All heavy atoms as atom14 arrays in JSON, in Angstrom:
{
  "sequence": "QLRPELVECLRDYQLIPFCPEYLGELPTPRLPSEICNGDGAAVLAGAA",
  "atom14_mask": [
    [1, 1, 1, 1, 1, 1, 1, 1, 1, 0, 0, 0, 0, 0],
    [1, 1, 1, 1, 1, 1, 1, 1, 0, 0, 0, 0, 0, 0],
    [1, 1, 1, 1, 1, 1, 1, 1, 1, 1, 1, 0, 0, 0],
    [1, 1, 1, 1, 1, 1, 1, 0, 0, 0, 0, 0, 0, 0],
    [1, 1, 1, 1, 1, 1, 1, 1, 1, 0, 0, 0, 0, 0],
    [1, 1, 1, 1, 1, 1, 1, 1, 0, 0, 0, 0, 0, 0],
    [1, 1, 1, 1, 1, 1, 1, 0, 0, 0, 0, 0, 0, 0],
    [1, 1, 1, 1, 1, 1, 1, 1, 1, 0, 0, 0, 0, 0],
    [1, 1, 1, 1, 1, 1, 0, 0, 0, 0, 0, 0, 0, 0],
    [1, 1, 1, 1, 1, 1, 1, 1, 0, 0, 0, 0, 0, 0],
    [1, 1, 1, 1, 1, 1, 1, 1, 1, 1, 1, 0, 0, 0],
    [1, 1, 1, 1, 1, 1, 1, 1, 0, 0, 0, 0, 0, 0],
    [1, 1, 1, 1, 1, 1, 1, 1, 1, 1, 1, 1, 0, 0],
    [1, 1, 1, 1, 1, 1, 1, 1, 1, 0, 0, 0, 0, 0],
    [1, 1, 1, 1, 1, 1, 1, 1, 0, 0, 0, 0, 0, 0],
    [1, 1, 1, 1, 1, 1, 1, 1, 0, 0, 0, 0, 0, 0],
    [1, 1, 1, 1, 1, 1, 1, 0, 0, 0, 0, 0, 0, 0],
    [1, 1, 1, 1, 1, 1, 1, 1, 1, 1, 1, 0, 0, 0],
    [1, 1, 1, 1, 1, 1, 0, 0, 0, 0, 0, 0, 0, 0],
    [1, 1, 1, 1, 1, 1, 1, 0, 0, 0, 0, 0, 0, 0],
    [1, 1, 1, 1, 1, 1, 1, 1, 1, 0, 0, 0, 0, 0],
    [1, 1, 1, 1, 1, 1, 1, 1, 1, 1, 1, 1, 0, 0],
    [1, 1, 1, 1, 1, 1, 1, 1, 0, 0, 0, 0, 0, 0],
    [1, 1, 1, 1, 0, 0, 0, 0, 0, 0, 0, 0, 0, 0],
    [1, 1, 1, 1, 1, 1, 1, 1, 1, 0, 0, 0, 0, 0],
    [1, 1, 1, 1, 1, 1, 1, 1, 0, 0, 0, 0, 0, 0],
    [1, 1, 1, 1, 1, 1, 1, 0, 0, 0, 0, 0, 0, 0],
    [1, 1, 1, 1, 1, 1, 1, 0, 0, 0, 0, 0, 0, 0],
    [1, 1, 1, 1, 1, 1, 1, 0, 0, 0, 0, 0, 0, 0],
    [1, 1, 1, 1, 1, 1, 1, 1, 1, 1, 1, 0, 0, 0],
    [1, 1, 1, 1, 1, 1, 1, 1, 0, 0, 0, 0, 0, 0],
    [1, 1, 1, 1, 1, 1, 1, 0, 0, 0, 0, 0, 0, 0],
    [1, 1, 1, 1, 1, 1, 0, 0, 0, 0, 0, 0, 0, 0],
    [1, 1, 1, 1, 1, 1, 1, 1, 1, 0, 0, 0, 0, 0],
    [1, 1, 1, 1, 1, 1, 1, 1, 0, 0, 0, 0, 0, 0],
    [1, 1, 1, 1, 1, 1, 0, 0, 0, 0, 0, 0, 0, 0],
    [1, 1, 1, 1, 1, 1, 1, 1, 0, 0, 0, 0, 0, 0],
    [1, 1, 1, 1, 0, 0, 0, 0, 0, 0, 0, 0, 0, 0],
    [1, 1, 1, 1, 1, 1, 1, 1, 0, 0, 0, 0, 0, 0],
    [1, 1, 1, 1, 0, 0, 0, 0, 0, 0, 0, 0, 0, 0],
    [1, 1, 1, 1, 1, 0, 0, 0, 0, 0, 0, 0, 0, 0],
    [1, 1, 1, 1, 1, 0, 0, 0, 0, 0, 0, 0, 0, 0],
    [1, 1, 1, 1, 1, 1, 1, 0, 0, 0, 0, 0, 0, 0],
    [1, 1, 1, 1, 1, 1, 1, 1, 0, 0, 0, 0, 0, 0],
    [1, 1, 1, 1, 1, 0, 0, 0, 0, 0, 0, 0, 0, 0],
    [1, 1, 1, 1, 0, 0, 0, 0, 0, 0, 0, 0, 0, 0],
    [1, 1, 1, 1, 1, 0, 0, 0, 0, 0, 0, 0, 0, 0],
    [1, 1, 1, 1, 1, 0, 0, 0, 0, 0, 0, 0, 0, 0]
  ],
  "atom14_positions": [
    [[2.68, -56.96, -17.66], [3.12, -57.22, -16.28], [4.55, -56.7, -16.18], [5.44, -57.4, -15.69], [3.03, -58.72, -16.0], [3.18, -59.11, -14.56], [1.94, -58.8, -13.75], [0.84, -58.71, -14.27], [2.11, -58.62, -12.46], [0.0, 0.0, 0.0], [0.0, 0.0, 0.0], [0.0, 0.0, 0.0], [0.0, 0.0, 0.0], [0.0, 0.0, 0.0]],
    [[4.77, -55.49, -16.71], [6.11, -54.92, -16.78], [6.82, -55.02, -15.44], [6.29, -54.6, -14.41], [6.05, -53.45, -17.22], [7.4, -52.73, -17.26], [8.36, -53.4, -18.24], [7.2, -51.27, -17.6], [0.0, 0.0, 0.0], [0.0, 0.0, 0.0], [0.0, 0.0, 0.0], [0.0, 0.0, 0.0], [0.0, 0.0, 0.0], [0.0, 0.0, 0.0]],
    [[8.02, -55.57, -15.49], [8.86, -55.7, -14.31], [10.17, -54.95, -14.6], [11.14, -55.54, -15.08], [9.15, -57.17, -14.0], [7.95, -58.05, -13.7], [7.27, -57.75, -12.37], [8.14, -57.85, -11.21], [8.24, -58.92, -10.42], [7.51, -60.0, -10.67], [9.05, -58.91, -9.39], [0.0, 0.0, 0.0], [0.0, 0.0, 0.0], [0.0, 0.0, 0.0]],
    [[10.21, -53.63, -14.34], [11.41, -52.84, -14.63], [12.66, -53.42, -13.99], [13.74, -53.4, -14.58], [11.09, -51.45, -14.08], [9.6, -51.39, -14.01], [9.14, -52.8, -13.76], [0.0, 0.0, 0.0], [0.0, 0.0, 0.0], [0.0, 0.0, 0.0], [0.0, 0.0, 0.0], [0.0, 0.0, 0.0], [0.0, 0.0, 0.0], [0.0, 0.0, 0.0]],
    [[12.52, -53.99, -12.78], [13.68, -54.56, -12.11], [14.21, -55.79, -12.85], [15.41, -56.07, -12.83], [13.37, -54.87, -10.64], [12.35, -55.97, -10.42], [10.87, -55.58, -10.48], [10.5, -54.59, -11.14], [10.06, -56.3, -9.86], [0.0, 0.0, 0.0], [0.0, 0.0, 0.0], [0.0, 0.0, 0.0], [0.0, 0.0, 0.0], [0.0, 0.0, 0.0]],
    [[13.33, -56.5, -13.54], [13.75, -57.64, -14.35], [14.49, -57.16, -15.59], [15.56, -57.68, -15.94], [12.55, -58.5, -14.75], [12.88, -59.67, -15.67], [13.68, -60.74, -14.92], [11.61, -60.27, -16.25], [0.0, 0.0, 0.0], [0.0, 0.0, 0.0], [0.0, 0.0, 0.0], [0.0, 0.0, 0.0], [0.0, 0.0, 0.0], [0.0, 0.0, 0.0]],
    [[13.92, -56.14, -16.25], [14.57, -55.57, -17.44], [15.97, -55.07, -17.07], [16.94, -55.32, -17.78], [13.7, -54.46, -18.06], [14.43, -53.78, -19.22], [12.36, -55.03, -18.54], [0.0, 0.0, 0.0], [0.0, 0.0, 0.0], [0.0, 0.0, 0.0], [0.0, 0.0, 0.0], [0.0, 0.0, 0.0], [0.0, 0.0, 0.0], [0.0, 0.0, 0.0]],
    [[16.07, -54.41, -15.93], [17.37, -53.93, -15.47], [18.32, -55.09, -15.18], [19.5, -55.06, -15.55], [17.2, -53.06, -14.21], [18.49, -52.63, -13.55], [19.4, -51.79, -14.42], [18.93, -51.15, -15.39], [20.62, -51.78, -14.15], [0.0, 0.0, 0.0], [0.0, 0.0, 0.0], [0.0, 0.0, 0.0], [0.0, 0.0, 0.0], [0.0, 0.0, 0.0]],
    [[17.81, -56.13, -14.57], [18.62, -57.3, -14.24], [19.17, -57.96, -15.52], [20.25, -58.54, -15.51], [17.75, -58.28, -13.46], [18.61, -59.67, -12.76], [0.0, 0.0, 0.0], [0.0, 0.0, 0.0], [0.0, 0.0, 0.0], [0.0, 0.0, 0.0], [0.0, 0.0, 0.0], [0.0, 0.0, 0.0], [0.0, 0.0, 0.0], [0.0, 0.0, 0.0]],
    [[18.41, -57.85, -16.61], [18.8, -58.49, -17.88], [19.41, -57.49, -18.87], [19.49, -57.77, -20.06], [17.57, -59.16, -18.5], [16.94, -60.28, -17.68], [15.66, -60.77, -18.35], [17.91, -61.42, -17.45], [0.0, 0.0, 0.0], [0.0, 0.0, 0.0], [0.0, 0.0, 0.0], [0.0, 0.0, 0.0], [0.0, 0.0, 0.0], [0.0, 0.0, 0.0]],
    [[19.89, -56.36, -18.38], [20.39, -55.3, -19.28], [21.56, -55.75, -20.15], [21.79, -55.18, -21.21], [20.75, -54.06, -18.48], [21.98, -54.19, -17.62], [22.29, -52.92, -16.82], [23.38, -53.1, -15.92], [23.3, -53.66, -14.71], [22.14, -54.08, -14.27], [24.37, -53.8, -13.96], [0.0, 0.0, 0.0], [0.0, 0.0, 0.0], [0.0, 0.0, 0.0]],
    [[22.3, -56.76, -19.73], [23.44, -57.23, -20.51], [23.06, -58.25, -21.59], [23.92, -58.74, -22.3], [24.5, -57.84, -19.59], [25.12, -56.8, -18.67], [25.16, -55.61, -19.03], [25.57, -57.18, -17.57], [0.0, 0.0, 0.0], [0.0, 0.0, 0.0], [0.0, 0.0, 0.0], [0.0, 0.0, 0.0], [0.0, 0.0, 0.0], [0.0, 0.0, 0.0]],
    [[21.77, -58.55, -21.68], [21.27, -59.51, -22.66], [20.54, -58.81, -23.8], [19.93, -57.76, -23.59], [20.28, -60.49, -22.02], [20.89, -61.48, -21.06], [21.13, -61.14, -19.74], [21.2, -62.77, -21.48], [21.67, -62.05, -18.85], [21.73, -63.69, -20.6], [21.98, -63.32, -19.29], [22.51, -64.23, -18.42], [0.0, 0.0, 0.0], [0.0, 0.0, 0.0]],
    [[20.56, -59.41, -24.97], [19.67, -59.02, -26.05], [18.33, -59.69, -25.74], [18.23, -60.91, -25.71], [20.2, -59.51, -27.4], [19.25, -59.26, -28.54], [19.68, -59.98, -29.82], [20.8, -60.48, -29.93], [18.79, -60.02, -30.77], [0.0, 0.0, 0.0], [0.0, 0.0, 0.0], [0.0, 0.0, 0.0], [0.0, 0.0, 0.0], [0.0, 0.0, 0.0]],
    [[17.28, -58.88, -25.48], [15.99, -59.43, -25.1], [15.16, -59.78, -26.32], [15.04, -58.98, -27.25], [15.22, -58.44, -24.22], [15.9, -58.05, -22.91], [14.99, -57.12, -22.11], [16.29, -59.27, -22.1], [0.0, 0.0, 0.0], [0.0, 0.0, 0.0], [0.0, 0.0, 0.0], [0.0, 0.0, 0.0], [0.0, 0.0, 0.0], [0.0, 0.0, 0.0]],
    [[14.59, -60.97, -26.31], [13.72, -61.46, -27.38], [12.38, -61.79, -26.74], [12.21, -62.85, -26.13], [14.34, -62.68, -28.07], [15.7, -62.3, -28.65], [13.41, -63.23, -29.15], [16.69, -63.4, -28.7], [0.0, 0.0, 0.0], [0.0, 0.0, 0.0], [0.0, 0.0, 0.0], [0.0, 0.0, 0.0], [0.0, 0.0, 0.0], [0.0, 0.0, 0.0]],
    [[11.41, -60.86, -26.83], [10.12, -61.11, -26.2], [9.29, -62.13, -26.98], [9.37, -62.19, -28.22], [9.43, -59.74, -26.19], [10.21, -58.86, -27.08], [11.49, -59.53, -27.41], [0.0, 0.0, 0.0], [0.0, 0.0, 0.0], [0.0, 0.0, 0.0], [0.0, 0.0, 0.0], [0.0, 0.0, 0.0], [0.0, 0.0, 0.0], [0.0, 0.0, 0.0]],
    [[8.49, -62.9, -26.25], [7.6, -63.87, -26.89], [6.35, -64.0, -26.03], [6.38, -63.76, -24.83], [8.28, -65.24, -27.03], [8.51, -65.92, -25.71], [7.6, -66.85, -25.23], [9.62, -65.62, -24.93], [7.8, -67.47, -24.0], [9.82, -66.23, -23.7], [8.9, -67.16, -23.24], [0.0, 0.0, 0.0], [0.0, 0.0, 0.0], [0.0, 0.0, 0.0]],
    [[5.24, -64.36, -26.66], [4.0, -64.63, -25.94], [3.34, -65.84, -26.59], [2.81, -65.74, -27.7], [3.05, -63.44, -25.97], [1.46, -63.83, -25.18], [0.0, 0.0, 0.0], [0.0, 0.0, 0.0], [0.0, 0.0, 0.0], [0.0, 0.0, 0.0], [0.0, 0.0, 0.0], [0.0, 0.0, 0.0], [0.0, 0.0, 0.0], [0.0, 0.0, 0.0]],
    [[3.38, -67.0, -25.93], [2.78, -68.2, -26.52], [1.29, -68.04, -26.82], [0.8, -68.6, -27.81], [3.0, -69.27, -25.45], [4.11, -68.77, -24.62], [4.01, -67.28, -24.65], [0.0, 0.0, 0.0], [0.0, 0.0, 0.0], [0.0, 0.0, 0.0], [0.0, 0.0, 0.0], [0.0, 0.0, 0.0], [0.0, 0.0, 0.0], [0.0, 0.0, 0.0]],
    [[0.57, -67.31, -26.0], [-0.87, -67.17, -26.23], [-1.14, -66.32, -27.47], [-2.03, -66.62, -28.26], [-1.53, -66.63, -24.97], [-1.43, -67.69, -23.85], [-1.83, -67.21, -22.48], [-2.68, -66.3, -22.38], [-1.31, -67.78, -21.5], [0.0, 0.0, 0.0], [0.0, 0.0, 0.0], [0.0, 0.0, 0.0], [0.0, 0.0, 0.0], [0.0, 0.0, 0.0]],
    [[-0.32, -65.29, -27.69], [-0.41, -64.52, -28.92], [-0.02, -65.4, -30.12], [-0.71, -65.42, -31.14], [0.5, -63.28, -28.84], [0.58, -62.51, -30.12], [-0.41, -61.6, -30.47], [1.64, -62.71, -31.0], [-0.35, -60.9, -31.66], [1.71, -62.02, -32.19], [0.72, -61.11, -32.52], [0.78, -60.43, -33.71], [0.0, 0.0, 0.0], [0.0, 0.0, 0.0]],
    [[1.08, -66.14, -29.98], [1.53, -67.02, -31.06], [0.51, -68.13, -31.35], [0.46, -68.65, -32.46], [2.89, -67.63, -30.71], [4.06, -66.63, -30.67], [5.3, -67.29, -30.09], [4.33, -66.05, -32.04], [0.0, 0.0, 0.0], [0.0, 0.0, 0.0], [0.0, 0.0, 0.0], [0.0, 0.0, 0.0], [0.0, 0.0, 0.0], [0.0, 0.0, 0.0]],
    [[-0.29, -68.48, -30.35], [-1.35, -69.47, -30.53], [-2.63, -68.89, -31.09], [-3.62, -69.59, -31.23], [0.0, 0.0, 0.0], [0.0, 0.0, 0.0], [0.0, 0.0, 0.0], [0.0, 0.0, 0.0], [0.0, 0.0, 0.0], [0.0, 0.0, 0.0], [0.0, 0.0, 0.0], [0.0, 0.0, 0.0], [0.0, 0.0, 0.0], [0.0, 0.0, 0.0]],
    [[-2.6, -67.58, -31.39], [-3.7, -66.85, -32.04], [-4.89, -66.59, -31.13], [-6.02, -66.43, -31.6], [-4.12, -67.52, -33.35], [-2.99, -67.58, -34.35], [-3.38, -68.18, -35.7], [-4.57, -68.43, -35.94], [-2.47, -68.39, -36.5], [0.0, 0.0, 0.0], [0.0, 0.0, 0.0], [0.0, 0.0, 0.0], [0.0, 0.0, 0.0], [0.0, 0.0, 0.0]],
    [[-4.64, -66.51, -29.84], [-5.69, -66.06, -28.93], [-5.76, -64.54, -28.97], [-4.73, -63.87, -29.13], [-5.4, -66.53, -27.5], [-5.69, -68.0, -27.23], [-5.12, -68.42, -25.89], [-7.19, -68.26, -27.27], [0.0, 0.0, 0.0], [0.0, 0.0, 0.0], [0.0, 0.0, 0.0], [0.0, 0.0, 0.0], [0.0, 0.0, 0.0], [0.0, 0.0, 0.0]],
    [[-6.95, -63.97, -28.82], [-7.09, -62.51, -28.86], [-6.6, -61.87, -27.57], [-6.48, -62.52, -26.54], [-8.61, -62.32, -29.01], [-9.2, -63.52, -28.35], [-8.24, -64.65, -28.63], [0.0, 0.0, 0.0], [0.0, 0.0, 0.0], [0.0, 0.0, 0.0], [0.0, 0.0, 0.0], [0.0, 0.0, 0.0], [0.0, 0.0, 0.0], [0.0, 0.0, 0.0]],
    [[-6.33, -60.6, -27.64], [-6.0, -59.79, -26.47], [-6.93, -58.59, -26.51], [-6.95, -57.9, -27.52], [-4.54, -59.3, -26.5], [-3.69, -60.45, -26.55], [-4.19, -58.48, -25.28], [0.0, 0.0, 0.0], [0.0, 0.0, 0.0], [0.0, 0.0, 0.0], [0.0, 0.0, 0.0], [0.0, 0.0, 0.0], [0.0, 0.0, 0.0], [0.0, 0.0, 0.0]],
    [[-7.72, -58.35, -25.47], [-7.87, -59.16, -24.26], [-8.66, -60.44, -24.53], [-9.26, -60.6, -25.59], [-8.62, -58.23, -23.31], [-9.41, -57.33, -24.2], [-8.58, -57.17, -25.45], [0.0, 0.0, 0.0], [0.0, 0.0, 0.0], [0.0, 0.0, 0.0], [0.0, 0.0, 0.0], [0.0, 0.0, 0.0], [0.0, 0.0, 0.0], [0.0, 0.0, 0.0]],
    [[-8.66, -61.32, -23.53], [-9.37, -62.6, -23.61], [-9.75, -63.02, -22.2], [-9.23, -62.47, -21.23], [-8.47, -63.66, -24.26], [-7.17, -63.88, -23.51], [-6.19, -64.76, -24.27], [-4.87, -64.69, -23.68], [-3.95, -63.78, -23.98], [-4.2, -62.84, -24.87], [-2.77, -63.79, -23.39], [0.0, 0.0, 0.0], [0.0, 0.0, 0.0], [0.0, 0.0, 0.0]],
    [[-10.63, -63.98, -22.1], [-10.98, -64.5, -20.78], [-9.78, -65.22, -20.17], [-8.99, -65.83, -20.89], [-12.14, -65.49, -20.89], [-13.5, -64.89, -21.26], [-14.5, -65.99, -21.55], [-14.0, -64.0, -20.13], [0.0, 0.0, 0.0], [0.0, 0.0, 0.0], [0.0, 0.0, 0.0], [0.0, 0.0, 0.0], [0.0, 0.0, 0.0], [0.0, 0.0, 0.0]],
    [[-9.61, -65.14, -18.85], [-8.52, -65.88, -18.23], [-8.72, -67.38, -18.41], [-9.85, -67.87, -18.5], [-8.59, -65.49, -16.75], [-9.94, -64.92, -16.55], [-10.42, -64.42, -17.88], [0.0, 0.0, 0.0], [0.0, 0.0, 0.0], [0.0, 0.0, 0.0], [0.0, 0.0, 0.0], [0.0, 0.0, 0.0], [0.0, 0.0, 0.0], [0.0, 0.0, 0.0]],
    [[-7.6, -68.11, -18.48], [-7.61, -69.55, -18.68], [-6.76, -70.22, -17.6], [-5.82, -69.62, -17.1], [-7.02, -69.92, -20.04], [-7.77, -69.33, -21.08], [0.0, 0.0, 0.0], [0.0, 0.0, 0.0], [0.0, 0.0, 0.0], [0.0, 0.0, 0.0], [0.0, 0.0, 0.0], [0.0, 0.0, 0.0], [0.0, 0.0, 0.0], [0.0, 0.0, 0.0]],
    [[-7.12, -71.46, -17.3], [-6.32, -72.27, -16.38], [-6.33, -73.71, -16.87], [-7.23, -74.12, -17.6], [-6.88, -72.2, -14.95], [-6.75, -70.82, -14.33], [-7.14, -70.75, -12.86], [-7.38, -71.81, -12.24], [-7.19, -69.62, -12.35], [0.0, 0.0, 0.0], [0.0, 0.0, 0.0], [0.0, 0.0, 0.0], [0.0, 0.0, 0.0], [0.0, 0.0, 0.0]],
    [[-5.3, -74.44, -16.49], [-5.21, -75.86, -16.82], [-6.05, -76.63, -15.82], [-5.86, -76.48, -14.61], [-3.76, -76.34, -16.81], [-2.94, -75.58, -17.85], [-3.69, -77.85, -17.05], [-1.45, -75.84, -17.8], [0.0, 0.0, 0.0], [0.0, 0.0, 0.0], [0.0, 0.0, 0.0], [0.0, 0.0, 0.0], [0.0, 0.0, 0.0], [0.0, 0.0, 0.0]],
    [[-6.96, -77.45, -16.32], [-7.85, -78.22, -15.46], [-7.44, -79.68, -15.45], [-7.17, -80.27, -16.5], [-9.3, -78.08, -15.94], [-9.86, -76.37, -15.85], [0.0, 0.0, 0.0], [0.0, 0.0, 0.0], [0.0, 0.0, 0.0], [0.0, 0.0, 0.0], [0.0, 0.0, 0.0], [0.0, 0.0, 0.0], [0.0, 0.0, 0.0], [0.0, 0.0, 0.0]],
    [[-7.37, -80.26, -14.27], [-7.07, -81.68, -14.07], [-5.65, -82.06, -14.45], [-5.43, -83.14, -14.98], [-8.08, -82.56, -14.8], [-9.49, -82.31, -14.34], [-9.74, -82.22, -13.14], [-10.42, -82.18, -15.27], [0.0, 0.0, 0.0], [0.0, 0.0, 0.0], [0.0, 0.0, 0.0], [0.0, 0.0, 0.0], [0.0, 0.0, 0.0], [0.0, 0.0, 0.0]],
    [[-4.7, -81.18, -14.21], [-3.31, -81.53, -14.49], [-2.45, -80.31, -14.68], [-2.78, -79.21, -14.24], [0.0, 0.0, 0.0], [0.0, 0.0, 0.0], [0.0, 0.0, 0.0], [0.0, 0.0, 0.0], [0.0, 0.0, 0.0], [0.0, 0.0, 0.0], [0.0, 0.0, 0.0], [0.0, 0.0, 0.0], [0.0, 0.0, 0.0], [0.0, 0.0, 0.0]],
    [[-1.36, -80.51, -15.39], [-0.42, -79.44, -15.69], [-0.11, -79.44, -17.18], [-0.75, -80.16, -17.95], [0.85, -79.58, -14.84], [1.59, -80.88, -15.11], [1.23, -81.64, -16.03], [2.57, -81.14, -14.39], [0.0, 0.0, 0.0], [0.0, 0.0, 0.0], [0.0, 0.0, 0.0], [0.0, 0.0, 0.0], [0.0, 0.0, 0.0], [0.0, 0.0, 0.0]],
    [[0.87, -78.63, -17.59], [1.2, -78.53, -19.0], [1.63, -79.84, -19.62], [1.28, -80.14, -20.76], [0.0, 0.0, 0.0], [0.0, 0.0, 0.0], [0.0, 0.0, 0.0], [0.0, 0.0, 0.0], [0.0, 0.0, 0.0], [0.0, 0.0, 0.0], [0.0, 0.0, 0.0], [0.0, 0.0, 0.0], [0.0, 0.0, 0.0], [0.0, 0.0, 0.0]],
    [[2.38, -80.65, -18.87], [2.79, -81.96, -19.4], [1.56, -82.83, -19.65], [1.49, -83.55, -20.65], [3.76, -82.64, -18.43], [0.0, 0.0, 0.0], [0.0, 0.0, 0.0], [0.0, 0.0, 0.0], [0.0, 0.0, 0.0], [0.0, 0.0, 0.0], [0.0, 0.0, 0.0], [0.0, 0.0, 0.0], [0.0, 0.0, 0.0], [0.0, 0.0, 0.0]],
    [[0.58, -82.77, -18.76], [-0.66, -83.53, -18.95], [-1.44, -83.03, -20.16], [-2.03, -83.81, -20.9], [-1.51, -83.48, -17.68], [0.0, 0.0, 0.0], [0.0, 0.0, 0.0], [0.0, 0.0, 0.0], [0.0, 0.0, 0.0], [0.0, 0.0, 0.0], [0.0, 0.0, 0.0], [0.0, 0.0, 0.0], [0.0, 0.0, 0.0], [0.0, 0.0, 0.0]],
    [[-1.44, -81.71, -20.38], [-2.1, -81.15, -21.57], [-1.43, -81.71, -22.83], [-2.1, -82.18, -23.75], [-2.05, -79.61, -21.57], [-2.52, -79.05, -22.9], [-2.89, -79.05, -20.43], [0.0, 0.0, 0.0], [0.0, 0.0, 0.0], [0.0, 0.0, 0.0], [0.0, 0.0, 0.0], [0.0, 0.0, 0.0], [0.0, 0.0, 0.0], [0.0, 0.0, 0.0]],
    [[-0.11, -81.68, -22.86], [0.63, -82.18, -24.03], [0.39, -83.67, -24.27], [0.4, -84.12, -25.41], [2.13, -81.9, -23.87], [2.5, -80.41, -23.88], [3.96, -80.24, -23.46], [2.24, -79.76, -25.23], [0.0, 0.0, 0.0], [0.0, 0.0, 0.0], [0.0, 0.0, 0.0], [0.0, 0.0, 0.0], [0.0, 0.0, 0.0], [0.0, 0.0, 0.0]],
    [[0.13, -84.41, -23.18], [-0.14, -85.85, -23.28], [-1.61, -86.15, -23.58], [-1.99, -87.31, -23.71], [0.28, -86.54, -21.98], [0.0, 0.0, 0.0], [0.0, 0.0, 0.0], [0.0, 0.0, 0.0], [0.0, 0.0, 0.0], [0.0, 0.0, 0.0], [0.0, 0.0, 0.0], [0.0, 0.0, 0.0], [0.0, 0.0, 0.0], [0.0, 0.0, 0.0]],
    [[-2.43, -85.11, -23.66], [-3.85, -85.3, -23.94], [-4.68, -85.67, -22.72], [-5.82, -86.09, -22.84], [0.0, 0.0, 0.0], [0.0, 0.0, 0.0], [0.0, 0.0, 0.0], [0.0, 0.0, 0.0], [0.0, 0.0, 0.0], [0.0, 0.0, 0.0], [0.0, 0.0, 0.0], [0.0, 0.0, 0.0], [0.0, 0.0, 0.0], [0.0, 0.0, 0.0]],
    [[-4.12, -85.51, -21.52], [-4.79, -85.93, -20.3], [-5.4, -84.77, -19.5], [-6.01, -85.01, -18.47], [-3.81, -86.69, -19.41], [0.0, 0.0, 0.0], [0.0, 0.0, 0.0], [0.0, 0.0, 0.0], [0.0, 0.0, 0.0], [0.0, 0.0, 0.0], [0.0, 0.0, 0.0], [0.0, 0.0, 0.0], [0.0, 0.0, 0.0], [0.0, 0.0, 0.0]],
    [[-5.21, -83.53, -19.95], [-5.77, -82.36, -19.26], [-6.13, -81.32, -20.32], [-5.67, -81.4, -21.46], [-4.77, -81.79, -18.26], [0.0, 0.0, 0.0], [0.0, 0.0, 0.0], [0.0, 0.0, 0.0], [0.0, 0.0, 0.0], [0.0, 0.0, 0.0], [0.0, 0.0, 0.0], [0.0, 0.0, 0.0], [0.0, 0.0, 0.0], [0.0, 0.0, 0.0]]
  ]
}
C-alpha cells in the first residue's frame, strides 16, 4: 500500500518497517481477516 507522500513526509526519520501479520507467521498472500464482535482490545482480553 505504498504511500510515496508518506515516505516523503518522513524523509527526516530513519524508517523501521514492520508487519505484525508477517511477524505472526501468516502467509502472504492470505485471505482477508477482520475482528469479529469487538476490537483489538477485546481480542487481547479474549472477548473477540
